[in-house]
Amino acid sequence: MLRLIIIILISQFIISCTGIVGGQYEENLEKFDKIYGYCDNPHRAIVKSSVEYTTCKRKEMAAGADGIIDDDAGIPFENLFNKNNQGGNAVVMANVNKDLWIGSLETLNDYTLKIADSMGGYIETDWIYSSNISDERCAIKIKILSTELVSNGVDVNFVCSKLINNNWVVMNEDFIKEEKSLHLKILENAQLSNSSNL
């Protein structure tokens, strides 16, 4: 009986110590997240060439100003285009071509995204400012139009505005050359995505 009581006391002590150490570990992880960023935290050991890292960086880009990602509200990127039925559960299927979507995200990788609606196939950047032109700004809007990898399966639009009398006024200019260049880059990245999946 005495042996049983001693074993119970020792096991409770070990469990409580493990909880303390685990709590300190989590606190340290959070501190390093603030320094390096969640995805680049060396203590999380996320391999930079992995799909997990790419997904992590995209989630990080999509986070709000507070840097918090609402995991419950999103669909895991790597599972988004899975058309299989797993374990009897229905899997959400996107209405857009996976490669065009990935190609668009890769093309806009240097810009902050305002909207990235994978189900509707719509991407919009925040306003983009030039360092040497303070009174103009542009946003890029991309719409995936097809479930197949075709050249007319994506639509690219530039929307630019100019600051006039402290009001941003939409510029009535065509940006055909810029839109065409971006369109070709998206198709190039989409083709690379497609060939890497083969």
N, C-alpha and C. Protein backbone atom coordinates (compact mmCIF):
# COMPACT_ATOMS: atom_id res chain seq x y z
N MET A 1 0.82 -1.19 0.00
CA MET A 1 0.00 0.00 0.00
C MET A 1 0.87 1.25 0.00
N LEU A 2 1.90 1.25 0.84
CA LEU A 2 2.81 2.39 0.91
C LEU A 2 3.54 2.58 -0.43
N ARG A 3 3.90 1.47 -1.05
CA ARG A 3 4.57 1.51 -2.34
C ARG A 3 3.65 2.15 -3.39
N LEU A 4 2.38 1.83 -3.38
CA LEU A 4 1.41 2.38 -4.32
C LEU A 4 1.28 3.90 -4.13
N ILE A 5 1.23 4.36 -2.88
CA ILE A 5 1.12 5.80 -2.60
C ILE A 5 2.38 6.52 -3.09
N ILE A 6 3.54 5.94 -2.87
CA ILE A 6 4.79 6.55 -3.33
C ILE A 6 4.82 6.65 -4.85
N ILE A 7 4.39 5.60 -5.53
CA ILE A 7 4.36 5.60 -7.00
C ILE A 7 3.41 6.68 -7.50
N ILE A 8 2.25 6.83 -6.88
CA ILE A 8 1.28 7.85 -7.29
C ILE A 8 1.87 9.24 -7.10
N LEU A 9 2.50 9.48 -5.93
CA LEU A 9 3.11 10.79 -5.66
C LEU A 9 4.22 11.12 -6.66
N ILE A 10 5.08 10.15 -6.93
CA ILE A 10 6.17 10.36 -7.88
C ILE A 10 5.63 10.64 -9.28
N SER A 11 4.62 9.88 -9.70
CA SER A 11 4.04 10.09 -11.04
C SER A 11 3.39 11.47 -11.17
N GLN A 12 2.71 11.93 -10.11
CA GLN A 12 2.11 13.26 -10.15
C GLN A 12 3.19 14.34 -10.19
N PHE A 13 4.28 14.14 -9.49
CA PHE A 13 5.39 15.08 -9.51
C PHE A 13 5.99 15.17 -10.91
N ILE A 14 6.19 14.02 -11.55
CA ILE A 14 6.76 13.98 -12.90
C ILE A 14 5.82 14.67 -13.89
N ILE A 15 4.53 14.41 -13.78
CA ILE A 15 3.54 15.02 -14.67
C ILE A 15 3.54 16.53 -14.51
N SER A 16 3.60 17.01 -13.27
CA SER A 16 3.59 18.46 -13.05
C SER A 16 4.87 19.10 -13.56
N CYS A 17 6.01 18.43 -13.41
CA CYS A 17 7.28 18.97 -13.93
C CYS A 17 7.25 19.02 -15.45
N THR A 18 6.72 18.01 -16.08
CA THR A 18 6.62 17.98 -17.54
C THR A 18 5.77 19.13 -18.03
N GLY A 19 4.69 19.41 -17.33
CA GLY A 19 3.81 20.54 -17.71
C GLY A 19 4.54 21.86 -17.63
N ILE A 20 5.39 22.04 -16.61
CA ILE A 20 6.15 23.29 -16.46
C ILE A 20 7.15 23.42 -17.59
N VAL A 21 7.91 22.35 -17.86
CA VAL A 21 8.90 22.39 -18.93
C VAL A 21 8.22 22.62 -20.27
N GLY A 22 7.11 21.93 -20.52
CA GLY A 22 6.37 22.10 -21.77
C GLY A 22 5.88 23.52 -21.93
N GLY A 23 5.41 24.13 -20.84
CA GLY A 23 4.94 25.51 -20.89
C GLY A 23 6.06 26.48 -21.22
N GLN A 24 7.25 26.24 -20.63
CA GLN A 24 8.41 27.09 -20.92
C GLN A 24 8.84 26.93 -22.37
N TYR A 25 8.77 25.72 -22.87
CA TYR A 25 9.15 25.46 -24.26
C TYR A 25 8.23 26.23 -25.21
N GLU A 26 6.93 26.19 -24.93
CA GLU A 26 5.97 26.91 -25.77
C GLU A 26 6.21 28.42 -25.71
N GLU A 27 6.52 28.93 -24.51
CA GLU A 27 6.81 30.36 -24.37
C GLU A 27 8.05 30.73 -25.17
N ASN A 28 9.08 29.89 -25.11
CA ASN A 28 10.30 30.16 -25.88
C ASN A 28 10.03 30.11 -27.38
N LEU A 29 9.21 29.16 -27.82
CA LEU A 29 8.84 29.09 -29.24
C LEU A 29 8.17 30.38 -29.69
N GLU A 30 7.25 30.89 -28.88
CA GLU A 30 6.54 32.11 -29.21
C GLU A 30 7.50 33.30 -29.28
N LYS A 31 8.49 33.33 -28.38
CA LYS A 31 9.48 34.41 -28.41
C LYS A 31 10.28 34.37 -29.70
N PHE A 32 10.70 33.17 -30.10
CA PHE A 32 11.46 33.03 -31.34
C PHE A 32 10.59 33.31 -32.56
N ASP A 33 9.29 33.01 -32.46
CA ASP A 33 8.36 33.34 -33.55
C ASP A 33 8.37 34.84 -33.82
N LYS A 34 8.41 35.64 -32.74
CA LYS A 34 8.41 37.10 -32.88
C LYS A 34 9.71 37.59 -33.50
N ILE A 35 10.80 36.90 -33.24
CA ILE A 35 12.10 37.31 -33.78
C ILE A 35 12.25 36.89 -35.24
N TYR A 36 12.01 35.60 -35.52
CA TYR A 36 12.26 35.05 -36.85
C TYR A 36 11.00 34.98 -37.73
N GLY A 37 9.83 34.99 -37.10
CA GLY A 37 8.60 34.67 -37.81
C GLY A 37 8.30 33.20 -37.61
N TYR A 38 7.04 32.84 -37.60
CA TYR A 38 6.63 31.46 -37.31
C TYR A 38 7.29 30.47 -38.27
N CYS A 39 7.23 30.77 -39.56
CA CYS A 39 7.72 29.81 -40.57
C CYS A 39 9.23 29.67 -40.56
N ASP A 40 9.95 30.75 -40.23
CA ASP A 40 11.41 30.73 -40.27
C ASP A 40 12.05 30.49 -38.91
N ASN A 41 11.24 30.21 -37.90
CA ASN A 41 11.75 29.91 -36.57
C ASN A 41 12.57 28.61 -36.64
N PRO A 42 13.90 28.68 -36.36
CA PRO A 42 14.73 27.48 -36.50
C PRO A 42 14.36 26.37 -35.52
N HIS A 43 13.65 26.70 -34.44
CA HIS A 43 13.26 25.69 -33.46
C HIS A 43 12.01 24.92 -33.89
N ARG A 44 11.35 25.38 -34.94
CA ARG A 44 10.19 24.64 -35.45
C ARG A 44 10.61 23.64 -36.53
N ALA A 45 11.80 23.80 -37.05
CA ALA A 45 12.38 22.85 -38.01
C ALA A 45 11.47 22.57 -39.20
N ILE A 46 10.95 23.64 -39.79
CA ILE A 46 10.16 23.48 -41.01
C ILE A 46 11.13 23.57 -42.18
N VAL A 47 11.20 22.52 -43.00
CA VAL A 47 12.14 22.46 -44.12
C VAL A 47 11.71 23.47 -45.18
N LYS A 48 12.63 24.37 -45.57
CA LYS A 48 12.29 25.48 -46.46
C LYS A 48 11.86 25.04 -47.85
N SER A 49 12.28 23.87 -48.30
CA SER A 49 11.90 23.42 -49.63
C SER A 49 10.62 22.58 -49.61
N SER A 50 9.97 22.48 -48.46
CA SER A 50 8.79 21.61 -48.35
C SER A 50 7.49 22.34 -48.66
N VAL A 51 6.45 21.57 -48.94
CA VAL A 51 5.11 22.12 -49.16
C VAL A 51 4.62 22.78 -47.87
N GLU A 52 4.98 22.19 -46.74
CA GLU A 52 4.58 22.74 -45.44
C GLU A 52 5.10 24.18 -45.28
N TYR A 53 6.37 24.41 -45.69
CA TYR A 53 6.95 25.76 -45.57
C TYR A 53 6.24 26.74 -46.50
N THR A 54 6.00 26.31 -47.75
CA THR A 54 5.30 27.17 -48.71
C THR A 54 3.92 27.53 -48.19
N THR A 55 3.21 26.55 -47.67
CA THR A 55 1.88 26.78 -47.10
C THR A 55 1.96 27.73 -45.92
N CYS A 56 2.95 27.52 -45.08
CA CYS A 56 3.14 28.36 -43.89
C CYS A 56 3.37 29.80 -44.30
N LYS A 57 4.24 30.03 -45.30
CA LYS A 57 4.54 31.39 -45.74
C LYS A 57 3.31 32.06 -46.36
N ARG A 58 2.50 31.29 -47.06
CA ARG A 58 1.28 31.86 -47.65
C ARG A 58 0.29 32.23 -46.56
N LYS A 59 0.20 31.40 -45.53
CA LYS A 59 -0.67 31.74 -44.41
C LYS A 59 -0.16 32.98 -43.70
N GLU A 60 1.17 33.05 -43.57
CA GLU A 60 1.78 34.21 -42.92
C GLU A 60 1.47 35.48 -43.71
N MET A 61 1.52 35.40 -45.05
CA MET A 61 1.20 36.55 -45.90
C MET A 61 -0.27 36.94 -45.77
N ALA A 62 -1.12 35.95 -45.56
CA ALA A 62 -2.56 36.21 -45.50
C ALA A 62 -3.01 36.68 -44.12
N ALA A 63 -2.12 36.63 -43.14
CA ALA A 63 -2.48 37.04 -41.78
C ALA A 63 -2.81 38.53 -41.75
N GLY A 64 -3.66 38.89 -40.84
CA GLY A 64 -4.04 40.30 -40.69
C GLY A 64 -2.93 41.10 -40.03
N ALA A 65 -3.26 42.34 -39.70
CA ALA A 65 -2.27 43.25 -39.11
C ALA A 65 -1.76 42.72 -37.77
N ASP A 66 -2.60 41.94 -37.08
CA ASP A 66 -2.17 41.40 -35.79
C ASP A 66 -1.29 40.17 -35.95
N GLY A 67 -1.15 39.69 -37.18
CA GLY A 67 -0.30 38.52 -37.43
C GLY A 67 -0.94 37.21 -37.04
N ILE A 68 -2.22 37.23 -36.68
CA ILE A 68 -2.90 36.02 -36.23
C ILE A 68 -3.68 35.42 -37.39
N ILE A 69 -3.49 34.14 -37.59
CA ILE A 69 -4.20 33.43 -38.65
C ILE A 69 -5.30 32.61 -38.01
N ASP A 70 -6.51 32.78 -38.49
CA ASP A 70 -7.64 32.03 -37.97
C ASP A 70 -7.71 30.70 -38.71
N ASP A 71 -7.12 29.66 -38.12
CA ASP A 71 -7.07 28.36 -38.78
C ASP A 71 -8.45 27.77 -39.01
N ASP A 72 -9.41 28.12 -38.15
CA ASP A 72 -10.75 27.55 -38.30
C ASP A 72 -11.46 28.11 -39.53
N ALA A 73 -11.09 29.33 -39.93
CA ALA A 73 -11.79 29.97 -41.04
C ALA A 73 -11.25 29.55 -42.39
N GLY A 74 -10.06 28.97 -42.45
CA GLY A 74 -9.45 28.68 -43.73
C GLY A 74 -9.51 27.20 -44.08
N ILE A 75 -9.20 26.95 -45.35
CA ILE A 75 -9.09 25.58 -45.83
C ILE A 75 -7.62 25.33 -46.04
N PRO A 76 -7.06 24.23 -45.54
CA PRO A 76 -5.63 23.99 -45.73
C PRO A 76 -5.27 24.03 -47.21
N PHE A 77 -4.28 24.85 -47.57
CA PHE A 77 -3.94 25.08 -48.97
C PHE A 77 -3.57 23.78 -49.67
N GLU A 78 -2.78 22.94 -48.99
CA GLU A 78 -2.31 21.72 -49.65
C GLU A 78 -3.44 20.73 -49.92
N ASN A 79 -4.57 20.86 -49.21
CA ASN A 79 -5.70 19.96 -49.41
C ASN A 79 -6.81 20.58 -50.25
N LEU A 80 -6.61 21.81 -50.67
CA LEU A 80 -7.68 22.56 -51.32
C LEU A 80 -8.16 21.90 -52.60
N PHE A 81 -7.23 21.36 -53.36
CA PHE A 81 -7.61 20.82 -54.67
C PHE A 81 -7.68 19.31 -54.67
N ASN A 82 -7.74 18.71 -53.51
CA ASN A 82 -7.85 17.27 -53.41
C ASN A 82 -9.26 16.86 -53.81
N LYS A 83 -9.37 16.13 -54.90
CA LYS A 83 -10.69 15.78 -55.41
C LYS A 83 -11.13 14.39 -54.94
N ASN A 84 -10.33 13.78 -54.11
CA ASN A 84 -10.68 12.45 -53.63
C ASN A 84 -11.60 12.53 -52.44
N ASN A 85 -12.35 11.47 -52.22
CA ASN A 85 -13.21 11.38 -51.05
C ASN A 85 -12.48 10.55 -50.01
N GLN A 86 -12.09 11.17 -48.92
CA GLN A 86 -11.29 10.46 -47.92
C GLN A 86 -12.13 10.13 -46.70
N GLY A 87 -12.15 8.86 -46.35
CA GLY A 87 -12.84 8.41 -45.14
C GLY A 87 -14.33 8.69 -45.15
N GLY A 88 -14.94 8.78 -46.33
CA GLY A 88 -16.38 9.01 -46.41
C GLY A 88 -16.77 10.47 -46.21
N ASN A 89 -15.80 11.37 -45.94
CA ASN A 89 -16.12 12.78 -45.77
C ASN A 89 -16.04 13.49 -47.10
N ALA A 90 -16.96 14.41 -47.32
CA ALA A 90 -16.93 15.19 -48.55
C ALA A 90 -15.78 16.17 -48.50
N VAL A 91 -15.04 16.27 -49.59
CA VAL A 91 -13.92 17.19 -49.67
C VAL A 91 -14.34 18.38 -50.54
N VAL A 92 -14.06 19.59 -50.06
CA VAL A 92 -14.42 20.78 -50.81
C VAL A 92 -13.57 20.85 -52.06
N MET A 93 -14.20 21.07 -53.20
CA MET A 93 -13.47 21.15 -54.46
C MET A 93 -13.51 22.58 -54.97
N ALA A 94 -12.39 23.05 -55.48
CA ALA A 94 -12.32 24.40 -56.00
C ALA A 94 -12.84 24.44 -57.43
N ASN A 95 -13.35 25.59 -57.83
CA ASN A 95 -13.87 25.78 -59.18
C ASN A 95 -12.84 26.43 -60.08
N VAL A 96 -11.58 26.37 -59.70
CA VAL A 96 -10.53 26.99 -60.48
C VAL A 96 -9.40 26.01 -60.71
N ASN A 97 -8.60 26.29 -61.73
CA ASN A 97 -7.46 25.44 -62.02
C ASN A 97 -6.37 25.63 -60.97
N LYS A 98 -5.91 24.53 -60.42
CA LYS A 98 -4.91 24.56 -59.35
C LYS A 98 -3.63 25.25 -59.80
N ASP A 99 -3.17 24.94 -60.99
CA ASP A 99 -1.90 25.49 -61.47
C ASP A 99 -1.99 26.98 -61.75
N LEU A 100 -3.12 27.43 -62.28
CA LEU A 100 -3.30 28.87 -62.50
C LEU A 100 -3.36 29.61 -61.16
N TRP A 101 -3.99 28.97 -60.18
CA TRP A 101 -4.07 29.58 -58.84
C TRP A 101 -2.67 29.70 -58.23
N ILE A 102 -1.92 28.60 -58.25
CA ILE A 102 -0.56 28.61 -57.70
C ILE A 102 0.33 29.58 -58.48
N GLY A 103 0.19 29.57 -59.81
CA GLY A 103 0.97 30.49 -60.64
C GLY A 103 0.68 31.95 -60.32
N SER A 104 -0.58 32.26 -60.03
CA SER A 104 -0.95 33.63 -59.66
C SER A 104 -0.36 34.02 -58.32
N LEU A 105 -0.44 33.12 -57.35
CA LEU A 105 0.12 33.40 -56.03
C LEU A 105 1.64 33.58 -56.10
N GLU A 106 2.30 32.72 -56.89
CA GLU A 106 3.76 32.84 -57.05
C GLU A 106 4.13 34.17 -57.69
N THR A 107 3.34 34.58 -58.68
CA THR A 107 3.62 35.84 -59.39
C THR A 107 3.46 37.04 -58.47
N LEU A 108 2.50 36.98 -57.57
CA LEU A 108 2.25 38.09 -56.65
C LEU A 108 2.97 37.92 -55.31
N ASN A 109 3.93 37.06 -55.28
CA ASN A 109 4.63 36.72 -54.03
C ASN A 109 5.25 37.92 -53.33
N ASP A 110 5.64 38.95 -54.10
CA ASP A 110 6.30 40.11 -53.51
C ASP A 110 5.33 41.16 -52.97
N TYR A 111 4.04 40.94 -53.16
CA TYR A 111 3.05 41.94 -52.76
C TYR A 111 2.17 41.40 -51.63
N THR A 112 1.67 42.33 -50.82
CA THR A 112 0.74 41.96 -49.77
C THR A 112 -0.64 41.75 -50.38
N LEU A 113 -1.28 40.63 -50.04
CA LEU A 113 -2.59 40.33 -50.60
C LEU A 113 -3.70 40.87 -49.70
N LYS A 114 -4.68 41.49 -50.33
CA LYS A 114 -5.86 41.97 -49.62
C LYS A 114 -6.92 40.88 -49.61
N ILE A 115 -7.08 40.21 -50.77
CA ILE A 115 -8.06 39.13 -50.91
C ILE A 115 -7.40 37.97 -51.63
N ALA A 116 -7.62 36.76 -51.13
CA ALA A 116 -7.19 35.54 -51.82
C ALA A 116 -8.29 34.51 -51.63
N ASP A 117 -9.28 34.56 -52.52
CA ASP A 117 -10.45 33.69 -52.44
C ASP A 117 -10.24 32.50 -53.36
N SER A 118 -9.77 31.39 -52.79
CA SER A 118 -9.44 30.22 -53.61
C SER A 118 -10.67 29.56 -54.21
N MET A 119 -11.79 29.65 -53.55
CA MET A 119 -13.00 29.01 -54.09
C MET A 119 -13.56 29.80 -55.27
N GLY A 120 -13.50 31.12 -55.20
CA GLY A 120 -13.98 31.95 -56.29
C GLY A 120 -12.91 32.25 -57.31
N GLY A 121 -11.65 31.93 -56.97
CA GLY A 121 -10.56 32.16 -57.90
C GLY A 121 -10.23 33.63 -58.06
N TYR A 122 -10.32 34.40 -56.97
CA TYR A 122 -10.09 35.84 -57.05
C TYR A 122 -8.96 36.25 -56.11
N ILE A 123 -8.02 37.04 -56.64
CA ILE A 123 -6.90 37.55 -55.85
C ILE A 123 -6.81 39.05 -56.08
N GLU A 124 -6.61 39.79 -55.00
CA GLU A 124 -6.42 41.23 -55.10
C GLU A 124 -5.33 41.65 -54.13
N THR A 125 -4.42 42.49 -54.62
CA THR A 125 -3.34 42.98 -53.75
C THR A 125 -3.82 44.21 -52.99
N ASP A 126 -3.09 44.53 -51.91
CA ASP A 126 -3.25 45.84 -51.28
C ASP A 126 -2.73 46.88 -52.26
N TRP A 127 -2.95 48.13 -51.94
CA TRP A 127 -2.42 49.20 -52.79
C TRP A 127 -0.90 49.11 -52.82
N ILE A 128 -0.34 49.24 -54.01
CA ILE A 128 1.10 49.20 -54.22
C ILE A 128 1.57 50.62 -54.51
N TYR A 129 2.53 51.08 -53.73
CA TYR A 129 3.06 52.43 -53.88
C TYR A 129 4.49 52.35 -54.41
N SER A 130 4.86 53.33 -55.23
CA SER A 130 6.23 53.44 -55.70
C SER A 130 6.98 54.36 -54.76
N SER A 131 8.24 54.03 -54.49
CA SER A 131 9.01 54.85 -53.55
C SER A 131 9.29 56.25 -54.10
N ASN A 132 9.31 56.41 -55.43
CA ASN A 132 9.64 57.72 -56.00
C ASN A 132 8.41 58.47 -56.54
N ILE A 133 7.22 57.86 -56.48
CA ILE A 133 5.99 58.55 -56.90
C ILE A 133 4.99 58.44 -55.76
N SER A 134 4.83 59.51 -55.01
CA SER A 134 4.01 59.44 -53.80
C SER A 134 2.53 59.69 -54.05
N ASP A 135 2.18 60.21 -55.24
CA ASP A 135 0.78 60.56 -55.47
C ASP A 135 0.06 59.58 -56.39
N GLU A 136 0.64 58.40 -56.60
CA GLU A 136 -0.02 57.36 -57.40
C GLU A 136 0.09 56.02 -56.68
N ARG A 137 -0.92 55.19 -56.89
CA ARG A 137 -0.91 53.86 -56.31
C ARG A 137 -1.68 52.93 -57.25
N CYS A 138 -1.35 51.65 -57.18
CA CYS A 138 -2.02 50.66 -58.04
C CYS A 138 -2.34 49.40 -57.23
N ALA A 139 -3.33 48.70 -57.70
CA ALA A 139 -3.66 47.38 -57.14
C ALA A 139 -3.78 46.41 -58.31
N ILE A 140 -3.46 45.16 -58.05
CA ILE A 140 -3.57 44.12 -59.08
C ILE A 140 -4.73 43.21 -58.72
N LYS A 141 -5.59 42.96 -59.70
CA LYS A 141 -6.74 42.07 -59.49
C LYS A 141 -6.65 40.94 -60.50
N ILE A 142 -6.72 39.71 -59.99
CA ILE A 142 -6.62 38.52 -60.84
C ILE A 142 -7.85 37.65 -60.61
N LYS A 143 -8.42 37.17 -61.70
CA LYS A 143 -9.57 36.27 -61.63
C LYS A 143 -9.25 35.02 -62.44
N ILE A 144 -9.32 33.86 -61.79
CA ILE A 144 -9.13 32.58 -62.49
C ILE A 144 -10.49 32.22 -63.09
N LEU A 145 -10.52 31.99 -64.41
CA LEU A 145 -11.78 31.79 -65.12
C LEU A 145 -12.04 30.35 -65.53
N SER A 146 -11.06 29.47 -65.32
CA SER A 146 -11.18 28.12 -65.87
C SER A 146 -10.73 27.07 -64.87
N THR A 147 -11.26 25.87 -65.05
CA THR A 147 -10.80 24.72 -64.27
C THR A 147 -9.67 24.00 -65.00
N GLU A 148 -9.38 24.44 -66.22
CA GLU A 148 -8.31 23.84 -67.02
C GLU A 148 -7.17 24.82 -67.16
N LEU A 149 -5.98 24.30 -67.41
CA LEU A 149 -4.80 25.14 -67.61
C LEU A 149 -4.78 25.59 -69.07
N VAL A 150 -5.44 26.73 -69.31
CA VAL A 150 -5.52 27.31 -70.65
C VAL A 150 -5.09 28.77 -70.57
N SER A 151 -4.61 29.31 -71.69
CA SER A 151 -4.06 30.67 -71.68
C SER A 151 -5.10 31.74 -71.39
N ASN A 152 -6.35 31.48 -71.76
CA ASN A 152 -7.40 32.47 -71.46
C ASN A 152 -8.15 32.14 -70.17
N GLY A 153 -7.52 31.32 -69.32
CA GLY A 153 -8.14 30.92 -68.07
C GLY A 153 -7.89 31.86 -66.91
N VAL A 154 -7.21 32.97 -67.19
CA VAL A 154 -6.91 33.94 -66.14
C VAL A 154 -7.07 35.35 -66.70
N ASP A 155 -7.65 36.22 -65.90
CA ASP A 155 -7.84 37.62 -66.28
C ASP A 155 -7.08 38.50 -65.30
N VAL A 156 -6.28 39.44 -65.82
CA VAL A 156 -5.45 40.31 -65.00
C VAL A 156 -5.85 41.76 -65.24
N ASN A 157 -6.06 42.50 -64.16
CA ASN A 157 -6.40 43.92 -64.26
C ASN A 157 -5.57 44.74 -63.29
N PHE A 158 -5.11 45.89 -63.78
CA PHE A 158 -4.46 46.89 -62.93
C PHE A 158 -5.47 47.99 -62.67
N VAL A 159 -5.60 48.40 -61.43
CA VAL A 159 -6.43 49.54 -61.07
C VAL A 159 -5.50 50.54 -60.38
N CYS A 160 -5.39 51.72 -60.98
CA CYS A 160 -4.48 52.73 -60.43
C CYS A 160 -5.26 54.00 -60.11
N SER A 161 -4.80 54.70 -59.11
CA SER A 161 -5.45 55.96 -58.74
C SER A 161 -4.38 57.00 -58.45
N LYS A 162 -4.80 58.26 -58.57
CA LYS A 162 -3.89 59.40 -58.38
C LYS A 162 -4.47 60.30 -57.29
N LEU A 163 -3.58 60.85 -56.47
CA LEU A 163 -3.98 61.74 -55.39
C LEU A 163 -4.18 63.15 -55.94
N ILE A 164 -5.43 63.60 -55.93
CA ILE A 164 -5.77 64.93 -56.42
C ILE A 164 -6.58 65.63 -55.34
N ASN A 165 -6.07 66.76 -54.85
CA ASN A 165 -6.74 67.53 -53.78
C ASN A 165 -7.09 66.65 -52.58
N ASN A 166 -6.13 65.83 -52.15
CA ASN A 166 -6.30 64.93 -50.99
C ASN A 166 -7.34 63.84 -51.19
N ASN A 167 -7.72 63.57 -52.44
CA ASN A 167 -8.65 62.48 -52.75
C ASN A 167 -8.01 61.56 -53.78
N TRP A 168 -8.17 60.27 -53.56
CA TRP A 168 -7.66 59.31 -54.53
C TRP A 168 -8.70 59.15 -55.64
N VAL A 169 -8.28 59.47 -56.87
CA VAL A 169 -9.17 59.41 -58.03
C VAL A 169 -8.65 58.32 -58.97
N VAL A 170 -9.57 57.44 -59.41
CA VAL A 170 -9.19 56.34 -60.30
C VAL A 170 -8.72 56.91 -61.64
N MET A 171 -7.58 56.42 -62.10
CA MET A 171 -7.01 56.88 -63.37
C MET A 171 -7.68 56.16 -64.52
N ASN A 172 -8.08 56.89 -65.52
CA ASN A 172 -8.74 56.30 -66.69
C ASN A 172 -7.71 55.95 -67.76
N GLU A 173 -6.76 55.15 -67.39
CA GLU A 173 -5.71 54.72 -68.32
C GLU A 173 -5.77 53.22 -68.47
N ASP A 174 -5.34 52.75 -69.65
CA ASP A 174 -5.20 51.32 -69.87
C ASP A 174 -3.77 50.91 -69.56
N PHE A 175 -3.64 49.79 -68.91
CA PHE A 175 -2.32 49.25 -68.57
C PHE A 175 -2.14 47.92 -69.27
N ILE A 176 -2.40 47.93 -70.59
CA ILE A 176 -2.42 46.69 -71.37
C ILE A 176 -1.06 46.00 -71.35
N LYS A 177 0.01 46.76 -71.53
CA LYS A 177 1.35 46.17 -71.56
C LYS A 177 1.68 45.50 -70.24
N GLU A 178 1.39 46.18 -69.12
CA GLU A 178 1.68 45.62 -67.80
C GLU A 178 0.82 44.39 -67.51
N GLU A 179 -0.46 44.48 -67.88
CA GLU A 179 -1.37 43.35 -67.66
C GLU A 179 -0.95 42.14 -68.49
N LYS A 180 -0.53 42.38 -69.74
CA LYS A 180 -0.08 41.28 -70.60
C LYS A 180 1.17 40.63 -70.03
N SER A 181 2.10 41.45 -69.55
CA SER A 181 3.35 40.93 -68.98
C SER A 181 3.06 40.07 -67.75
N LEU A 182 2.18 40.55 -66.89
CA LEU A 182 1.82 39.79 -65.69
C LEU A 182 1.07 38.51 -66.05
N HIS A 183 0.21 38.60 -67.04
CA HIS A 183 -0.55 37.44 -67.52
C HIS A 183 0.39 36.34 -67.99
N LEU A 184 1.41 36.72 -68.78
CA LEU A 184 2.38 35.74 -69.28
C LEU A 184 3.19 35.13 -68.14
N LYS A 185 3.53 35.94 -67.14
CA LYS A 185 4.29 35.43 -65.99
C LYS A 185 3.45 34.42 -65.20
N ILE A 186 2.16 34.70 -65.05
CA ILE A 186 1.27 33.76 -64.35
C ILE A 186 1.22 32.43 -65.10
N LEU A 187 1.08 32.50 -66.44
CA LEU A 187 1.02 31.27 -67.24
C LEU A 187 2.33 30.49 -67.15
N GLU A 188 3.45 31.21 -67.13
CA GLU A 188 4.76 30.56 -66.99
C GLU A 188 4.86 29.84 -65.65
N ASN A 189 4.46 30.52 -64.56
CA ASN A 189 4.51 29.89 -63.24
C ASN A 189 3.52 28.74 -63.13
N ALA A 190 2.36 28.89 -63.77
CA ALA A 190 1.36 27.81 -63.77
C ALA A 190 1.89 26.58 -64.49
N GLN A 191 2.59 26.80 -65.60
CA GLN A 191 3.17 25.68 -66.35
C GLN A 191 4.23 24.98 -65.53
N LEU A 192 5.05 25.76 -64.79
CA LEU A 192 6.05 25.17 -63.91
C LEU A 192 5.39 24.34 -62.81
N SER A 193 4.30 24.87 -62.25
CA SER A 193 3.57 24.15 -61.21
C SER A 193 3.02 22.83 -61.76
N ASN A 194 2.49 22.90 -62.98
CA ASN A 194 1.91 21.73 -63.62
C ASN A 194 2.96 20.67 -63.89
N SER A 195 4.12 21.08 -64.40
CA SER A 195 5.18 20.12 -64.72
C SER A 195 5.79 19.50 -63.47
N SER A 196 5.80 20.25 -62.35
CA SER A 196 6.34 19.69 -61.10
C SER A 196 5.40 18.67 -60.49
N ASN A 197 4.11 18.70 -60.89
CA ASN A 197 3.14 17.74 -60.35
C ASN A 197 3.09 16.46 -61.17
N LEU A 198 3.76 16.45 -62.31
CA LEU A 198 3.70 15.25 -63.18
C LEU A 198 4.62 14.17 -62.68
